[in-house]
Amino acid sequence: MQHVGGDTRTKLVHTVLATAANVADREALPYLLHGKETRVRAKVEHVFGVIKNIFGFRKTRYRGLAKNLHQLEVTAALAKLHIVRRRLLNA
């Protein structure tokens, strides 16, 4: 299961976490929330849209948590670049 923590202002990913499917979302929350963040879902939906639709990370074969986490980390980094690409090109 993939869990993503996002910044409320920029909507960029700051934390990714891959867990077994039997781990509840509430158990992952302490690792994902930073500071005064209270909203959980709405801020990362755009990031998940980019990860799933642009980079094709819709379904994951079980290859081990370490390999799945590595793929999620790389894909989240690419999603960050995709989201801020216009800002980077105009700078």
Protein backbone atom coordinates (compact mmCIF):
# COMPACT_ATOMS: atom_id res chain seq x y z
CA MET A 1 0.00 0.00 0.00
CA GLN A 2 1.36 3.41 -0.82
CA HIS A 3 1.01 6.40 1.47
CA VAL A 4 2.03 9.91 0.46
CA GLY A 5 2.40 13.04 2.56
CA GLY A 6 2.09 16.34 0.71
CA ASP A 7 2.79 19.98 1.49
CA THR A 8 -0.44 21.93 1.96
CA ARG A 9 0.81 25.08 0.25
CA THR A 10 2.71 23.75 -2.78
CA LYS A 11 0.90 20.39 -3.11
CA LEU A 12 4.24 18.64 -3.54
CA VAL A 13 5.17 15.32 -1.98
CA HIS A 14 7.39 15.48 1.10
CA THR A 15 7.08 11.90 2.38
CA VAL A 16 6.39 8.52 0.78
CA LEU A 17 5.75 5.30 2.63
CA ALA A 18 5.11 1.80 1.32
CA THR A 19 3.50 -0.70 3.69
CA ALA A 20 1.93 -4.11 3.53
CA ALA A 21 -1.74 -4.14 2.56
CA ASN A 22 -2.84 -5.08 6.08
CA VAL A 23 -1.46 -1.84 7.60
CA ALA A 24 -4.25 0.67 8.26
CA ASP A 25 -3.97 4.24 7.01
CA ARG A 26 -4.21 5.63 10.53
CA GLU A 27 -1.02 3.76 11.49
CA ALA A 28 0.89 5.57 8.72
CA LEU A 29 -0.38 9.07 9.62
CA PRO A 30 2.28 9.94 12.22
CA TYR A 31 4.97 9.45 9.55
CA LEU A 32 3.14 11.51 6.91
CA LEU A 33 1.89 14.60 8.74
CA HIS A 34 4.30 17.43 9.50
CA GLY A 35 3.67 20.52 11.60
CA LYS A 36 0.05 21.64 11.80
CA GLU A 37 -1.28 19.55 8.90
CA THR A 38 -4.74 18.17 9.59
CA ARG A 39 -6.24 17.49 6.18
CA VAL A 40 -5.20 14.11 4.97
CA ARG A 41 -6.59 13.26 1.58
CA ALA A 42 -7.34 16.30 -0.57
CA LYS A 43 -3.80 17.69 -0.79
CA VAL A 44 -2.24 14.62 -2.40
CA GLU A 45 -4.96 13.66 -4.88
CA HIS A 46 -3.32 15.69 -7.67
CA VAL A 47 -0.01 13.97 -6.99
CA PHE A 48 -1.67 10.55 -7.20
CA GLY A 49 -3.29 11.59 -10.48
CA VAL A 50 0.11 12.42 -11.95
CA ILE A 51 1.70 9.24 -10.60
CA LYS A 52 -1.10 7.02 -11.92
CA ASN A 53 -1.99 8.68 -15.22
CA ILE A 54 1.30 10.16 -16.43
CA PHE A 55 3.74 7.57 -15.11
CA GLY A 56 1.51 4.47 -15.16
CA PHE A 57 1.91 3.47 -11.49
CA ARG A 58 -1.67 2.13 -11.29
CA LYS A 59 -1.07 -1.40 -10.09
CA THR A 60 1.93 -2.81 -8.33
CA ARG A 61 3.16 -6.35 -8.54
CA TYR A 62 4.47 -7.61 -5.26
CA ARG A 63 8.24 -7.62 -5.66
CA GLY A 64 8.98 -6.86 -2.06
CA LEU A 65 8.34 -3.74 -0.04
CA ALA A 66 11.85 -2.38 -0.63
CA LYS A 67 11.55 -2.54 -4.43
CA ASN A 68 8.03 -1.13 -4.42
CA LEU A 69 9.12 1.69 -2.11
CA HIS A 70 12.05 2.49 -4.39
CA GLN A 71 9.75 2.65 -7.43
CA LEU A 72 7.32 4.88 -5.50
CA GLU A 73 10.14 7.22 -4.41
CA VAL A 74 11.43 7.61 -7.96
CA THR A 75 7.92 8.11 -9.33
CA ALA A 76 7.11 10.69 -6.64
CA ALA A 77 10.30 12.59 -7.50
CA LEU A 78 9.33 12.58 -11.18
CA ALA A 79 5.83 13.74 -10.25
CA LYS A 80 7.36 16.68 -8.36
CA LEU A 81 9.32 17.67 -11.46
CA HIS A 82 6.24 17.27 -13.64
CA ILE A 83 4.12 19.46 -11.36
CA VAL A 84 6.69 22.29 -11.16
CA ARG A 85 7.97 22.02 -14.74
CA ARG A 86 6.53 25.39 -15.82
CA ARG A 87 8.09 27.17 -12.87
CA LEU A 88 11.44 25.55 -13.63
CA LEU A 89 11.31 26.44 -17.34
CA ASN A 90 10.38 30.07 -16.66
CA ALA A 91 13.12 30.57 -14.07
